[in-house]
Each structure stands twice: as structure tokens, then as C-alpha cells.
N, C-alpha and C. Protein backbone atom coordinates (compact mmCIF):
# COMPACT_ATOMS: atom_id res chain seq x y z
N MET A 1 107.05 82.87 144.83
CA MET A 1 107.98 83.02 143.69
C MET A 1 109.39 82.47 144.36
N LYS A 2 110.14 82.02 143.27
CA LYS A 2 111.60 81.40 143.61
C LYS A 2 112.50 82.46 143.70
N LEU A 3 113.47 82.14 144.40
CA LEU A 3 114.62 83.03 144.65
C LEU A 3 115.31 83.30 143.24
N ALA A 4 115.64 82.36 142.50
CA ALA A 4 116.23 82.54 141.12
C ALA A 4 115.27 83.61 140.35
N GLU A 5 114.04 83.47 140.30
CA GLU A 5 113.08 84.29 139.55
C GLU A 5 113.22 85.76 139.90
N TYR A 6 113.07 85.75 141.28
CA TYR A 6 112.98 87.11 141.96
C TYR A 6 114.35 88.15 141.79
N LYS A 7 115.53 87.32 141.98
CA LYS A 7 116.60 88.25 141.87
C LYS A 7 116.88 88.44 140.42
N ASN A 8 116.35 87.90 139.40
CA ASN A 8 116.49 88.26 138.20
C ASN A 8 115.64 89.66 137.84
N MET A 9 114.62 89.77 138.61
CA MET A 9 113.73 91.00 138.41
C MET A 9 113.98 92.13 139.36
N ALA A 10 114.52 91.85 140.46
CA ALA A 10 114.79 92.84 141.45
C ALA A 10 115.63 93.88 141.12
N PRO A 11 115.31 95.18 141.63
CA PRO A 11 116.08 96.29 141.33
C PRO A 11 117.53 95.97 142.10
N PRO A 12 118.52 96.69 141.69
CA PRO A 12 119.85 96.65 142.25
C PRO A 12 119.90 96.69 143.80
N LEU A 13 120.79 95.80 144.37
CA LEU A 13 120.92 95.56 145.74
C LEU A 13 121.60 96.80 146.26
N ARG A 14 121.06 97.38 147.54
CA ARG A 14 121.90 98.43 148.21
C ARG A 14 122.88 97.67 148.96
N GLN A 15 124.04 98.40 149.06
CA GLN A 15 125.09 97.68 149.96
C GLN A 15 125.11 98.15 151.34
N ARG A 16 125.46 97.14 152.22
CA ARG A 16 125.45 97.36 153.63
C ARG A 16 126.69 96.67 154.31
N THR A 17 127.15 97.05 155.53
CA THR A 17 128.30 96.34 156.24
C THR A 17 127.64 95.58 157.48
N LEU A 18 128.28 94.62 157.87
CA LEU A 18 128.01 93.90 159.30
C LEU A 18 129.24 93.40 159.80
N CYS A 19 129.51 93.87 160.85
CA CYS A 19 130.73 93.57 161.60
C CYS A 19 130.60 92.71 163.12
N PHE A 20 131.29 91.69 163.30
CA PHE A 20 131.21 90.93 164.40
C PHE A 20 132.58 91.06 165.10
N LEU A 21 132.66 91.68 166.34
CA LEU A 21 133.84 91.63 167.03
C LEU A 21 133.90 90.46 167.92
N LEU A 22 135.18 89.74 167.91
CA LEU A 22 135.48 88.48 168.58
C LEU A 22 136.53 88.67 169.47
N HIS A 23 136.32 88.20 170.74
CA HIS A 23 137.34 88.31 171.80
C HIS A 23 136.95 87.14 172.87
N ASN A 24 138.19 86.41 173.08
CA ASN A 24 137.87 85.28 174.26
C ASN A 24 136.69 84.42 173.88
N GLU A 25 136.62 84.07 172.63
CA GLU A 25 135.44 83.05 172.34
C GLU A 25 134.02 83.52 172.49
N LYS A 26 134.05 84.85 172.56
CA LYS A 26 132.65 85.60 172.62
C LYS A 26 132.59 86.67 171.40
N VAL A 27 131.24 86.75 171.28
CA VAL A 27 131.02 87.47 170.17
C VAL A 27 130.18 88.96 170.42
N LEU A 28 130.25 89.99 170.12
CA LEU A 28 129.69 91.18 170.40
C LEU A 28 128.57 91.34 169.44
N LEU A 29 127.42 91.48 169.98
CA LEU A 29 126.25 91.71 169.16
C LEU A 29 125.51 93.07 169.81
N GLY A 30 124.90 93.51 169.16
CA GLY A 30 124.06 94.78 169.42
C GLY A 30 122.58 94.77 169.39
N LEU A 31 122.04 95.14 170.40
CA LEU A 31 120.39 95.22 170.39
C LEU A 31 119.98 96.53 169.70
N LYS A 32 119.52 96.41 168.70
CA LYS A 32 118.99 97.52 167.83
C LYS A 32 117.84 98.29 168.45
N LYS A 33 118.12 99.60 168.75
CA LYS A 33 117.32 100.41 169.68
C LYS A 33 116.21 101.09 168.71
N SER A 34 116.66 101.34 167.28
CA SER A 34 115.85 102.27 166.58
C SER A 34 116.03 101.79 165.01
N GLY A 35 115.15 102.16 164.19
CA GLY A 35 115.30 101.93 162.67
C GLY A 35 115.19 100.49 162.35
N PHE A 36 115.71 100.21 161.16
CA PHE A 36 115.68 99.01 160.48
C PHE A 36 116.28 97.70 161.39
N GLY A 37 115.40 96.92 161.68
CA GLY A 37 115.67 95.90 162.58
C GLY A 37 115.52 96.01 164.11
N LYS A 38 114.99 97.04 164.34
CA LYS A 38 114.68 97.47 165.87
C LYS A 38 114.40 96.19 166.85
N GLY A 39 114.78 96.01 167.84
CA GLY A 39 114.44 94.95 168.65
C GLY A 39 115.28 93.60 168.62
N ASN A 40 115.98 93.71 167.52
CA ASN A 40 116.81 92.34 167.05
C ASN A 40 118.31 92.38 167.57
N TRP A 41 118.93 91.42 168.00
CA TRP A 41 120.33 91.47 168.17
C TRP A 41 120.98 91.15 166.80
N LEU A 42 122.04 91.84 166.60
CA LEU A 42 122.77 91.89 165.51
C LEU A 42 124.13 92.22 165.40
N GLY A 43 124.93 92.02 164.33
CA GLY A 43 126.21 92.63 164.30
C GLY A 43 126.11 94.15 164.03
N ILE A 44 127.32 94.89 164.12
CA ILE A 44 127.40 96.22 163.87
C ILE A 44 127.60 96.68 162.47
N GLY A 45 126.86 97.51 162.06
CA GLY A 45 126.82 97.90 160.49
C GLY A 45 125.96 98.76 160.24
N GLY A 46 125.93 99.09 158.74
CA GLY A 46 124.97 99.78 158.22
C GLY A 46 124.96 100.06 156.65
N LYS A 47 124.66 101.14 156.37
CA LYS A 47 124.60 101.54 154.95
C LYS A 47 125.88 101.99 154.54
N VAL A 48 126.33 101.88 153.17
CA VAL A 48 127.69 102.43 152.50
C VAL A 48 127.00 103.96 151.73
N GLU A 49 127.77 104.84 152.17
CA GLU A 49 127.44 106.21 151.67
C GLU A 49 128.10 106.20 150.20
N PRO A 50 127.58 107.00 149.35
CA PRO A 50 128.02 107.14 148.05
C PRO A 50 129.57 107.22 147.72
N ASP A 51 130.18 107.89 148.77
CA ASP A 51 131.60 108.35 148.43
C ASP A 51 132.50 107.34 149.38
N GLU A 52 131.86 106.18 149.81
CA GLU A 52 132.74 105.50 150.78
C GLU A 52 132.93 104.05 150.08
N THR A 53 134.20 103.41 150.48
CA THR A 53 134.38 102.00 150.08
C THR A 53 133.63 101.18 151.38
N ILE A 54 133.41 99.97 150.88
CA ILE A 54 132.69 99.18 151.91
C ILE A 54 133.56 99.03 153.34
N GLU A 55 134.80 99.05 153.35
CA GLU A 55 135.75 99.07 154.44
C GLU A 55 135.51 100.48 155.24
N GLN A 56 135.51 101.56 154.59
CA GLN A 56 135.37 102.85 155.16
C GLN A 56 133.98 102.98 155.89
N ALA A 57 132.99 102.36 155.14
CA ALA A 57 131.59 102.23 155.77
C ALA A 57 131.63 101.59 157.11
N ALA A 58 132.20 100.30 157.15
CA ALA A 58 132.38 99.43 158.26
C ALA A 58 132.98 100.06 159.41
N ILE A 59 134.17 101.03 159.06
CA ILE A 59 134.83 101.69 160.07
C ILE A 59 133.71 102.69 160.75
N ARG A 60 133.17 103.44 159.77
CA ARG A 60 132.35 104.63 160.09
C ARG A 60 131.15 104.11 161.02
N GLU A 61 130.58 103.09 160.68
CA GLU A 61 129.37 102.39 161.38
C GLU A 61 129.82 101.97 162.74
N MET A 62 130.87 101.41 162.64
CA MET A 62 131.20 100.88 164.19
C MET A 62 131.82 102.03 165.04
N GLU A 63 132.26 103.19 164.50
CA GLU A 63 132.63 104.29 165.30
C GLU A 63 131.12 104.95 165.97
N GLU A 64 130.25 104.99 164.76
CA GLU A 64 129.05 105.68 165.26
C GLU A 64 128.14 104.74 166.12
N GLU A 65 128.10 103.45 166.07
CA GLU A 65 127.13 102.60 166.81
C GLU A 65 127.62 102.07 167.96
N ILE A 66 128.94 101.95 168.16
CA ILE A 66 129.53 101.40 169.43
C ILE A 66 130.88 102.26 169.79
N CYS A 67 131.21 103.16 169.16
CA CYS A 67 132.31 103.97 169.73
C CYS A 67 133.80 103.42 169.63
N VAL A 68 133.87 102.49 168.67
CA VAL A 68 135.30 101.84 168.50
C VAL A 68 135.67 101.90 167.10
N THR A 69 137.08 101.88 166.85
CA THR A 69 137.68 101.90 165.59
C THR A 69 138.26 100.70 165.38
N PRO A 70 137.85 99.82 164.32
CA PRO A 70 138.52 98.59 164.04
C PRO A 70 139.77 98.76 163.44
N GLU A 71 140.74 97.79 163.91
CA GLU A 71 142.29 97.94 163.40
C GLU A 71 142.57 96.62 162.56
N ASN A 72 141.94 95.50 162.76
CA ASN A 72 142.00 94.34 162.14
C ASN A 72 140.81 93.70 161.81
N PHE A 73 140.39 93.79 160.55
CA PHE A 73 139.08 93.17 159.98
C PHE A 73 139.12 92.53 158.79
N ASN A 74 138.38 91.33 158.70
CA ASN A 74 138.50 90.54 157.35
C ASN A 74 137.33 90.16 156.96
N LYS A 75 136.93 90.46 155.59
CA LYS A 75 135.73 89.90 154.84
C LYS A 75 135.63 88.52 154.88
N VAL A 76 134.56 88.21 155.41
CA VAL A 76 134.22 86.64 155.51
C VAL A 76 132.88 86.10 154.80
N ALA A 77 132.02 87.21 154.50
CA ALA A 77 130.82 86.65 153.70
C ALA A 77 130.25 87.90 152.91
N THR A 78 129.65 87.37 151.97
CA THR A 78 128.70 88.26 151.00
C THR A 78 127.37 87.63 151.18
N LEU A 79 126.27 88.51 151.69
CA LEU A 79 124.77 88.01 151.75
C LEU A 79 123.99 88.66 151.11
N ASN A 80 123.07 88.24 150.31
CA ASN A 80 122.15 89.03 149.48
C ASN A 80 120.65 88.70 149.98
N PHE A 81 119.96 89.60 150.32
CA PHE A 81 118.68 89.60 150.96
C PHE A 81 117.71 90.12 149.97
N TYR A 82 116.71 89.33 149.78
CA TYR A 82 115.44 89.79 149.01
C TYR A 82 114.15 89.63 149.66
N PHE A 83 113.34 90.72 149.62
CA PHE A 83 112.08 90.73 150.39
C PHE A 83 110.80 91.46 149.35
N PRO A 84 110.56 90.33 148.43
CA PRO A 84 109.61 90.64 147.55
C PRO A 84 108.35 91.08 147.90
N GLN A 85 107.93 90.82 149.07
CA GLN A 85 106.63 91.15 149.66
C GLN A 85 106.67 92.54 150.49
N ALA A 86 107.83 93.08 150.57
CA ALA A 86 107.85 94.42 151.40
C ALA A 86 107.20 95.45 150.64
N ASP A 87 106.73 96.58 151.27
CA ASP A 87 106.30 97.64 150.75
C ASP A 87 106.87 98.19 149.53
N ASN A 88 108.38 98.39 149.76
CA ASN A 88 109.25 98.85 148.95
C ASN A 88 110.42 98.13 148.82
N PRO A 89 110.42 96.96 148.02
CA PRO A 89 111.61 95.98 147.84
C PRO A 89 112.83 96.75 147.60
N ALA A 90 112.80 97.76 146.98
CA ALA A 90 114.12 98.44 146.52
C ALA A 90 114.86 98.99 147.85
N ARG A 91 113.98 99.31 148.92
CA ARG A 91 114.71 99.81 149.99
C ARG A 91 115.17 98.66 151.03
N TRP A 92 114.42 97.57 150.86
CA TRP A 92 114.68 96.36 151.75
C TRP A 92 115.79 95.57 151.14
N ASN A 93 115.68 95.21 149.87
CA ASN A 93 116.61 94.31 149.20
C ASN A 93 118.10 94.74 149.44
N GLN A 94 119.01 94.00 149.90
CA GLN A 94 120.36 94.40 150.04
C GLN A 94 121.46 93.49 149.94
N GLN A 95 122.65 93.84 149.68
CA GLN A 95 123.81 93.14 149.69
C GLN A 95 124.63 93.60 151.08
N VAL A 96 124.90 92.44 151.97
CA VAL A 96 125.48 92.85 152.99
C VAL A 96 126.92 92.07 152.99
N ILE A 97 127.90 92.79 153.33
CA ILE A 97 129.26 92.36 153.20
C ILE A 97 129.58 92.19 154.87
N VAL A 98 130.01 91.04 155.28
CA VAL A 98 130.31 90.56 156.61
C VAL A 98 131.75 90.58 156.81
N PHE A 99 132.15 91.31 158.09
CA PHE A 99 133.42 91.38 158.58
C PHE A 99 133.75 90.70 159.93
N ILE A 100 134.84 90.00 160.19
CA ILE A 100 135.17 89.66 161.56
C ILE A 100 136.26 90.51 161.95
N VAL A 101 136.12 91.07 163.15
CA VAL A 101 136.92 92.17 163.80
C VAL A 101 137.55 91.46 164.81
N ASN A 102 138.90 91.58 164.93
CA ASN A 102 139.66 90.77 165.97
C ASN A 102 140.50 91.88 166.84
N GLU A 103 140.62 93.15 166.31
CA GLU A 103 141.30 94.19 167.03
C GLU A 103 140.68 95.56 166.76
N TRP A 104 140.60 96.25 167.78
CA TRP A 104 139.92 97.56 167.72
C TRP A 104 140.54 98.51 168.70
N HIS A 105 140.22 99.80 168.71
CA HIS A 105 140.70 100.66 169.86
C HIS A 105 139.35 101.43 170.28
N GLY A 106 139.56 101.95 171.34
CA GLY A 106 138.21 102.68 171.86
C GLY A 106 137.58 101.62 172.81
N GLU A 107 136.69 102.33 173.55
CA GLU A 107 135.90 101.56 174.65
C GLU A 107 134.41 101.20 174.04
N ILE A 108 134.04 100.05 173.82
CA ILE A 108 132.73 99.75 173.60
C ILE A 108 131.63 100.50 174.37
N THR A 109 130.99 101.27 173.62
CA THR A 109 130.05 102.23 174.50
C THR A 109 128.58 101.99 173.94
N GLU A 110 127.43 102.01 174.62
CA GLU A 110 126.19 101.93 174.18
C GLU A 110 125.79 103.36 173.54
N THR A 111 125.12 103.42 172.48
CA THR A 111 124.63 104.75 171.79
C THR A 111 123.20 104.73 171.75
N ASP A 112 122.68 105.73 171.04
CA ASP A 112 121.17 105.94 170.80
C ASP A 112 120.61 104.80 169.89
N GLU A 113 121.53 104.07 169.24
CA GLU A 113 121.11 103.15 168.11
C GLU A 113 121.55 101.80 168.68
N ILE A 114 122.50 101.50 169.44
CA ILE A 114 122.85 100.12 169.76
C ILE A 114 123.31 99.94 171.18
N LYS A 115 122.77 98.84 171.59
CA LYS A 115 123.09 98.38 173.11
C LYS A 115 123.98 97.21 172.80
N PRO A 116 125.31 97.26 173.14
CA PRO A 116 126.27 96.21 172.84
C PRO A 116 126.24 95.32 174.08
N LYS A 117 126.43 94.02 173.72
CA LYS A 117 126.59 92.96 174.72
C LYS A 117 127.33 91.83 174.08
N TRP A 118 128.20 91.29 175.04
CA TRP A 118 129.00 89.98 174.56
C TRP A 118 128.25 88.63 174.93
N PHE A 119 128.32 87.79 173.88
CA PHE A 119 127.71 86.44 174.04
C PHE A 119 128.77 85.46 173.76
N PRO A 120 128.64 84.35 174.57
CA PRO A 120 129.57 83.17 174.16
C PRO A 120 129.27 82.71 172.87
N ALA A 121 130.28 82.25 171.97
CA ALA A 121 130.07 81.97 170.60
C ALA A 121 129.12 80.81 170.62
N ASN A 122 128.84 79.94 171.59
CA ASN A 122 128.13 78.82 171.47
C ASN A 122 126.56 79.18 172.14
N GLU A 123 126.46 80.35 172.45
CA GLU A 123 125.10 80.96 173.00
C GLU A 123 124.54 82.07 172.26
N ILE A 124 124.58 82.06 170.99
CA ILE A 124 124.17 83.17 170.21
C ILE A 124 122.42 83.18 170.15
N PRO A 125 121.93 84.26 170.67
CA PRO A 125 120.48 84.30 170.71
C PRO A 125 119.68 84.35 169.39
N PHE A 126 119.79 83.36 168.69
CA PHE A 126 119.33 83.33 167.32
C PHE A 126 117.82 83.54 167.31
N GLU A 127 117.09 83.38 168.33
CA GLU A 127 115.48 83.42 168.36
C GLU A 127 115.21 84.98 168.39
N SER A 128 116.22 85.85 168.75
CA SER A 128 116.09 87.26 168.70
C SER A 128 116.85 87.94 167.78
N MET A 129 117.07 87.32 166.72
CA MET A 129 117.87 87.92 165.54
C MET A 129 117.18 87.69 164.28
N TRP A 130 117.41 88.25 163.18
CA TRP A 130 116.99 88.22 161.99
C TRP A 130 117.08 86.73 161.60
N ASP A 131 116.05 86.09 161.00
CA ASP A 131 115.86 84.71 160.78
C ASP A 131 117.19 83.96 160.04
N ASP A 132 117.58 84.76 159.19
CA ASP A 132 118.71 84.33 158.14
C ASP A 132 120.03 83.94 159.12
N ALA A 133 120.24 84.69 160.30
CA ALA A 133 121.57 84.42 160.95
C ALA A 133 121.77 83.07 161.43
N GLN A 134 120.89 82.28 161.66
CA GLN A 134 120.91 81.01 162.22
C GLN A 134 121.53 79.99 161.12
N TYR A 135 121.49 80.41 159.86
CA TYR A 135 121.86 79.59 158.70
C TYR A 135 123.28 79.99 158.27
N TRP A 136 123.68 81.07 158.60
CA TRP A 136 125.22 81.40 158.29
C TRP A 136 126.06 81.91 159.23
N LEU A 137 125.75 82.54 160.27
CA LEU A 137 126.61 82.80 161.23
C LEU A 137 127.41 81.95 162.00
N PRO A 138 126.79 80.69 162.33
CA PRO A 138 127.67 79.64 162.76
C PRO A 138 128.83 79.20 161.98
N ALA A 139 128.62 79.14 160.64
CA ALA A 139 129.81 78.81 159.70
C ALA A 139 130.77 79.98 159.94
N VAL A 140 130.49 81.29 159.73
CA VAL A 140 131.31 82.36 159.99
C VAL A 140 132.35 82.26 161.06
N LEU A 141 131.42 82.02 162.34
CA LEU A 141 132.21 81.77 163.47
C LEU A 141 132.99 80.50 163.56
N ASP A 142 132.96 79.81 162.75
CA ASP A 142 133.72 78.55 162.63
C ASP A 142 134.72 78.71 161.65
N ASP A 143 135.13 80.04 161.37
CA ASP A 143 136.21 80.30 160.47
C ASP A 143 135.93 79.99 158.97
N LYS A 144 134.70 80.02 158.62
CA LYS A 144 134.47 79.59 157.20
C LYS A 144 134.20 81.03 156.43
N GLN A 145 134.42 81.19 155.14
CA GLN A 145 134.12 82.17 154.36
C GLN A 145 132.82 81.84 153.54
N LEU A 146 131.96 82.52 153.11
CA LEU A 146 130.74 81.92 152.30
C LEU A 146 130.03 83.15 151.50
N LYS A 147 129.31 82.72 150.62
CA LYS A 147 128.37 83.49 150.05
C LYS A 147 126.95 83.08 150.03
N ALA A 148 125.97 83.78 150.30
CA ALA A 148 124.48 83.32 150.64
C ALA A 148 123.44 84.25 150.08
N GLU A 149 122.27 83.76 149.74
CA GLU A 149 121.38 84.38 149.25
C GLU A 149 120.07 83.93 149.99
N PHE A 150 119.30 84.87 150.44
CA PHE A 150 118.06 84.68 151.00
C PHE A 150 116.84 85.35 150.55
N LEU A 151 115.65 84.71 150.53
CA LEU A 151 114.61 84.98 150.09
C LEU A 151 113.59 85.02 151.35
N PHE A 152 112.74 86.24 151.64
CA PHE A 152 112.21 86.24 152.85
C PHE A 152 110.68 86.39 152.50
N ASN A 153 109.74 85.96 153.41
CA ASN A 153 108.26 86.27 153.21
C ASN A 153 107.77 87.42 153.89
N GLN A 154 106.52 87.79 153.98
CA GLN A 154 106.06 88.99 154.54
C GLN A 154 106.16 88.76 156.02
N ASP A 155 106.44 87.80 156.77
CA ASP A 155 106.72 87.72 158.12
C ASP A 155 108.17 87.76 158.47
N LEU A 156 108.97 88.15 157.66
CA LEU A 156 110.39 88.06 157.70
C LEU A 156 111.15 86.90 158.01
N GLU A 157 110.59 85.77 157.49
CA GLU A 157 111.04 84.51 157.74
C GLU A 157 111.75 84.02 156.28
N VAL A 158 112.88 83.34 156.57
CA VAL A 158 113.41 82.90 155.35
C VAL A 158 112.69 81.73 154.69
N ILE A 159 112.46 81.82 153.42
CA ILE A 159 111.65 80.79 152.75
C ILE A 159 112.37 79.97 151.73
N GLU A 160 113.45 80.60 151.23
CA GLU A 160 114.36 79.92 150.34
C GLU A 160 115.89 80.54 150.66
N LYS A 161 116.91 79.63 150.47
CA LYS A 161 118.20 80.18 150.81
C LYS A 161 119.07 79.11 149.82
N THR A 162 120.36 79.83 149.35
CA THR A 162 121.58 79.19 148.98
C THR A 162 122.71 79.70 149.83
N ILE A 163 123.54 78.76 150.25
CA ILE A 163 124.79 78.99 151.05
C ILE A 163 125.79 78.15 150.30
N VAL A 164 126.84 78.97 150.00
CA VAL A 164 128.15 78.33 149.39
C VAL A 164 129.33 78.67 150.21
N ILE A 165 129.88 77.62 150.71
CA ILE A 165 131.07 77.92 151.57
C ILE A 165 132.30 77.92 150.39
N THR A 166 133.05 79.31 150.51
CA THR A 166 134.00 79.49 149.54
C THR A 166 135.24 79.15 149.94
N SER A 167 135.55 79.12 151.32
CA SER A 167 136.91 78.67 151.75
C SER A 167 137.01 78.51 153.20
N ASP A 168 137.65 77.99 153.91
CA ASP A 168 138.26 78.00 155.35
C ASP A 168 139.21 79.05 155.49
N GLN A 169 139.03 79.86 156.59
CA GLN A 169 140.17 80.89 156.85
C GLN A 169 141.32 80.14 157.52
N PRO A 170 142.46 80.72 157.32
CA PRO A 170 143.68 80.08 157.86
C PRO A 170 143.57 80.12 159.46
């Protein structure tokens, strides 16, 4: 099935947040210790509760997962993910809003859910991340803003994608 066909039939996407802290040309990733994405390195984020804005959810997720509160963060990407072969696609399909975080307060701390680690921006462990990250994260780290859509197979590999750079950040 093609991406264009599937997204027209798919149930509404669940919203999620994803934040990447940047400092001294390094990116903070978290090793997911439980739940959705367990065993992958990823940005910090999660679901948006019914009574939250996307920004409020980003703040809450960062506080819960790594014990810091962002003070300066910018929306840089909107990513739509489709998993037609999942047992319950309505639970897997999602729209993820990506933020870059340059300022925060609090001490980055490991929690039951996330083990945080700094990586040089040119040494991102894409082989240990969700398959889609290799296609869009380098552009975001290069100060691009974008919109993208990804269709995954049963092995969680990207089989079709569209990526549109919407602007360069100042």
C-alpha cells in the first residue's frame, strides 16, 4: 500500500512531542528503558494529554523523563508516522511535533523510563534509533525546519517517505 492511499484511510493521528536538547555541538538522546520504543536512542517526549497544548506536553514530558524544564524551545518539524501492518494502527499512527531546546533549568537525570546521554552532533547512533531518524534528524540539526511523512513495514523499517524543507532557521 502506498503512503498517499493509506493516510487517506487511516484513523486520526495521535499527537506526540519530541525534544532534542543541544549544547556545545552535542545532542542529548535518551535510551528508552520501557514502553513504546524500548531499546532505542531517541529524543525526549511523549503523548499529549487531552487538556494540554503541545508545548505544555513537551515541558511535562521533559520534566518526567529527564528532570529538566525547558526555557527556550522552538518547533522545528512535524512528522507523521503510519504503521498499516501494526496490530492496532490507531495506537501506532502518530503526528510528532519536534522541538529543539537550547535552554533549560534543572539537572539532567536518569529516570525509570530514560537513560540520557550526550552525543556529538556528527556521531548520532542512527543504527540504534527508529529507522526514520536518519532521514530527517540531520536536517533539523542543520537548522532546517521540515514536514515529513513516513510509512513503515511490519519490521518497523521506512518503506516510503516524503520530506519537505519548509525553511531555514535564522
